[in-house]
């Protein structure tokens, strides 16, 4: 069921404390932790504690929690002293999503040209 923890989900296991992560912020609805394979000097994931496969599902089902993810993204950027940063939501395997639990990538600490790559 959407919103409920999934036994086979890496991020649900981080939320539940079964898998360690370098958690830097936590609220009632979100967890922020450092990416284990950073793509920028600062690369932090902000996830909802509730399980939804992607950002679109999260926004449709829980718009307030989707807003919480964005608000926490700003808080992470502030704590990390990022003047400029990128928030990325990958949706679907073709877009590079590898963990099917909604999450925002906060990337910063270097120049981020557009398009990425």
C-alpha atoms as a PDB file:
ATOM      1  CA  UNK A   1       0.000   0.000   0.000  1.00  0.00           C
ATOM      2  CA  UNK A   2       1.322   3.454  -0.898  1.00  0.00           C
ATOM      3  CA  UNK A   3       2.647   5.406   2.033  1.00  0.00           C
ATOM      4  CA  UNK A   4       3.417   2.284   4.076  1.00  0.00           C
ATOM      5  CA  UNK A   5       7.009   1.064   4.586  1.00  0.00           C
ATOM      6  CA  UNK A   6       8.125  -1.517   2.032  1.00  0.00           C
ATOM      7  CA  UNK A   7      10.228  -4.481   3.196  1.00  0.00           C
ATOM      8  CA  UNK A   8      12.397  -4.416   0.056  1.00  0.00           C
ATOM      9  CA  UNK A   9      13.006  -0.633  -0.028  1.00  0.00           C
ATOM     10  CA  UNK A  10      16.478   0.664   0.857  1.00  0.00           C
ATOM     11  CA  UNK A  11      15.153   4.078   1.891  1.00  0.00           C
ATOM     12  CA  UNK A  12      12.365   2.602   4.045  1.00  0.00           C
ATOM     13  CA  UNK A  13      15.104   0.638   5.821  1.00  0.00           C
ATOM     14  CA  UNK A  14      17.081   3.853   6.395  1.00  0.00           C
ATOM     15  CA  UNK A  15      13.951   5.526   7.801  1.00  0.00           C
ATOM     16  CA  UNK A  16      13.379   2.480  10.028  1.00  0.00           C
ATOM     17  CA  UNK A  17      16.980   2.415  11.254  1.00  0.00           C
ATOM     18  CA  UNK A  18      17.779  -1.031   9.792  1.00  0.00           C
ATOM     19  CA  UNK A  19      20.421   0.411   7.430  1.00  0.00           C
ATOM     20  CA  UNK A  20      22.863   3.122   8.561  1.00  0.00           C
ATOM     21  CA  UNK A  21      23.124   6.463   6.811  1.00  0.00           C
ATOM     22  CA  UNK A  22      24.810   9.756   7.563  1.00  0.00           C
ATOM     23  CA  UNK A  23      21.639  11.563   8.573  1.00  0.00           C
ATOM     24  CA  UNK A  24      22.007  15.327   8.758  1.00  0.00           C
ATOM     25  CA  UNK A  25      18.390  16.397   9.346  1.00  0.00           C
ATOM     26  CA  UNK A  26      15.174  14.709  10.368  1.00  0.00           C
ATOM     27  CA  UNK A  27      11.626  15.993  10.817  1.00  0.00           C
ATOM     28  CA  UNK A  28       8.335  14.247  11.531  1.00  0.00           C
ATOM     29  CA  UNK A  29       7.870  13.646   7.791  1.00  0.00           C
ATOM     30  CA  UNK A  30      11.362  13.688   6.210  1.00  0.00           C
ATOM     31  CA  UNK A  31      14.925  12.447   6.542  1.00  0.00           C
ATOM     32  CA  UNK A  32      17.986  14.033   4.897  1.00  0.00           C
ATOM     33  CA  UNK A  33      21.237  12.099   4.521  1.00  0.00           C
ATOM     34  CA  UNK A  34      24.454  12.181   2.516  1.00  0.00           C
ATOM     35  CA  UNK A  35      24.507  10.235  -0.750  1.00  0.00           C
ATOM     36  CA  UNK A  36      26.930   7.293  -0.628  1.00  0.00           C
ATOM     37  CA  UNK A  37      28.000   7.987  -4.235  1.00  0.00           C
ATOM     38  CA  UNK A  38      28.181  11.793  -4.386  1.00  0.00           C
ATOM     39  CA  UNK A  39      27.995  13.487  -7.777  1.00  0.00           C
ATOM     40  CA  UNK A  40      28.996  16.903  -6.393  1.00  0.00           C
ATOM     41  CA  UNK A  41      30.953  18.149  -3.355  1.00  0.00           C
ATOM     42  CA  UNK A  42      27.597  18.405  -1.565  1.00  0.00           C
ATOM     43  CA  UNK A  43      25.134  15.641  -2.480  1.00  0.00           C
ATOM     44  CA  UNK A  44      22.359  15.055   0.012  1.00  0.00           C
ATOM     45  CA  UNK A  45      19.106  13.156  -0.377  1.00  0.00           C
ATOM     46  CA  UNK A  46      15.889  14.390   1.196  1.00  0.00           C
ATOM     47  CA  UNK A  47      13.231  11.699   1.407  1.00  0.00           C
ATOM     48  CA  UNK A  48       9.722  11.471   2.799  1.00  0.00           C
ATOM     49  CA  UNK A  49       9.367   8.943   5.602  1.00  0.00           C
ATOM     50  CA  UNK A  50       6.241   7.668   3.835  1.00  0.00           C
ATOM     51  CA  UNK A  51       6.901   5.360   0.885  1.00  0.00           C
ATOM     52  CA  UNK A  52       5.824   6.578  -2.530  1.00  0.00           C
ATOM     53  CA  UNK A  53       7.539   5.354  -5.686  1.00  0.00           C
ATOM     54  CA  UNK A  54       8.362   8.810  -7.058  1.00  0.00           C
ATOM     55  CA  UNK A  55       7.808  12.539  -6.584  1.00  0.00           C
ATOM     56  CA  UNK A  56       4.663  12.611  -8.742  1.00  0.00           C
ATOM     57  CA  UNK A  57       2.994   9.884  -6.651  1.00  0.00           C
ATOM     58  CA  UNK A  58       4.028  11.678  -3.471  1.00  0.00           C
ATOM     59  CA  UNK A  59       2.660  15.031  -4.659  1.00  0.00           C
ATOM     60  CA  UNK A  60      -0.666  13.485  -5.740  1.00  0.00           C
ATOM     61  CA  UNK A  61      -1.188  11.556  -2.509  1.00  0.00           C
ATOM     62  CA  UNK A  62       0.489  13.792   0.097  1.00  0.00           C
ATOM     63  CA  UNK A  63       1.004  17.341  -1.216  1.00  0.00           C
ATOM     64  CA  UNK A  64       1.923  18.626   2.253  1.00  0.00           C
ATOM     65  CA  UNK A  65       4.702  16.036   2.588  1.00  0.00           C
ATOM     66  CA  UNK A  66       5.924  16.908  -0.916  1.00  0.00           C
ATOM     67  CA  UNK A  67       6.126  20.530   0.280  1.00  0.00           C
ATOM     68  CA  UNK A  68       7.986  19.321   3.385  1.00  0.00           C
ATOM     69  CA  UNK A  69      10.610  17.675   1.143  1.00  0.00           C
ATOM     70  CA  UNK A  70      11.140  20.974  -0.690  1.00  0.00           C
ATOM     71  CA  UNK A  71      11.235  22.981   2.549  1.00  0.00           C
ATOM     72  CA  UNK A  72      13.832  20.595   3.987  1.00  0.00           C
ATOM     73  CA  UNK A  73      15.820  20.876   0.759  1.00  0.00           C
ATOM     74  CA  UNK A  74      16.162  24.606   1.440  1.00  0.00           C
ATOM     75  CA  UNK A  75      17.093  23.925   5.079  1.00  0.00           C
ATOM     76  CA  UNK A  76      19.805  21.492   3.933  1.00  0.00           C
ATOM     77  CA  UNK A  77      21.163  24.063   1.455  1.00  0.00           C
ATOM     78  CA  UNK A  78      21.227  26.680   4.209  1.00  0.00           C
ATOM     79  CA  UNK A  79      23.035  24.375   6.663  1.00  0.00           C
ATOM     80  CA  UNK A  80      25.544  23.394   3.982  1.00  0.00           C
ATOM     81  CA  UNK A  81      26.126  27.087   3.104  1.00  0.00           C
ATOM     82  CA  UNK A  82      25.121  26.568  -0.530  1.00  0.00           C
ATOM     83  CA  UNK A  83      24.519  29.841  -2.373  1.00  0.00           C
ATOM     84  CA  UNK A  84      23.513  27.911  -5.482  1.00  0.00           C
ATOM     85  CA  UNK A  85      22.267  24.356  -5.720  1.00  0.00           C
ATOM     86  CA  UNK A  86      20.159  22.007  -7.772  1.00  0.00           C
ATOM     87  CA  UNK A  87      17.201  19.933  -6.613  1.00  0.00           C
ATOM     88  CA  UNK A  88      16.697  16.846  -8.796  1.00  0.00           C
ATOM     89  CA  UNK A  89      13.826  14.348  -8.723  1.00  0.00           C
ATOM     90  CA  UNK A  90      14.465  11.391 -11.043  1.00  0.00           C
ATOM     91  CA  UNK A  91      11.268   9.596 -12.052  1.00  0.00           C
ATOM     92  CA  UNK A  92      11.570   6.171 -13.643  1.00  0.00           C
ATOM     93  CA  UNK A  93      14.500   3.958 -14.536  1.00  0.00           C
ATOM     94  CA  UNK A  94      15.011   5.755 -17.863  1.00  0.00           C
ATOM     95  CA  UNK A  95      15.651   8.991 -15.965  1.00  0.00           C
ATOM     96  CA  UNK A  96      18.178   7.352 -13.649  1.00  0.00           C
ATOM     97  CA  UNK A  97      15.948   6.506 -10.679  1.00  0.00           C
ATOM     98  CA  UNK A  98      17.459   3.469  -8.965  1.00  0.00           C
ATOM     99  CA  UNK A  99      15.626   3.512  -5.623  1.00  0.00           C
ATOM    100  CA  UNK A 100      11.875   3.641  -6.135  1.00  0.00           C
ATOM    101  CA  UNK A 101      11.105   5.707  -3.052  1.00  0.00           C
ATOM    102  CA  UNK A 102      10.550   9.405  -3.784  1.00  0.00           C
ATOM    103  CA  UNK A 103      13.658  11.451  -3.065  1.00  0.00           C
ATOM    104  CA  UNK A 104      15.200  14.800  -3.878  1.00  0.00           C
ATOM    105  CA  UNK A 105      18.898  15.090  -4.673  1.00  0.00           C
ATOM    106  CA  UNK A 106      20.416  18.319  -3.356  1.00  0.00           C
ATOM    107  CA  UNK A 107      23.573  19.019  -5.376  1.00  0.00           C
ATOM    108  CA  UNK A 108      25.944  21.907  -4.852  1.00  0.00           C
ATOM    109  CA  UNK A 109      29.422  23.061  -4.019  1.00  0.00           C
ATOM    110  CA  UNK A 110      30.607  23.380  -7.631  1.00  0.00           C
ATOM    111  CA  UNK A 111      29.422  24.939 -10.846  1.00  0.00           C
ATOM    112  CA  UNK A 112      26.341  23.155 -12.180  1.00  0.00           C
ATOM    113  CA  UNK A 113      26.022  23.847 -15.894  1.00  0.00           C
ATOM    114  CA  UNK A 114      22.835  23.194 -17.837  1.00  0.00           C
ATOM    115  CA  UNK A 115      22.184  20.791 -19.342  1.00  0.00           C
ATOM    116  CA  UNK A 116      23.693  18.456 -16.747  1.00  0.00           C
ATOM    117  CA  UNK A 117      26.339  15.964 -17.700  1.00  0.00           C
END
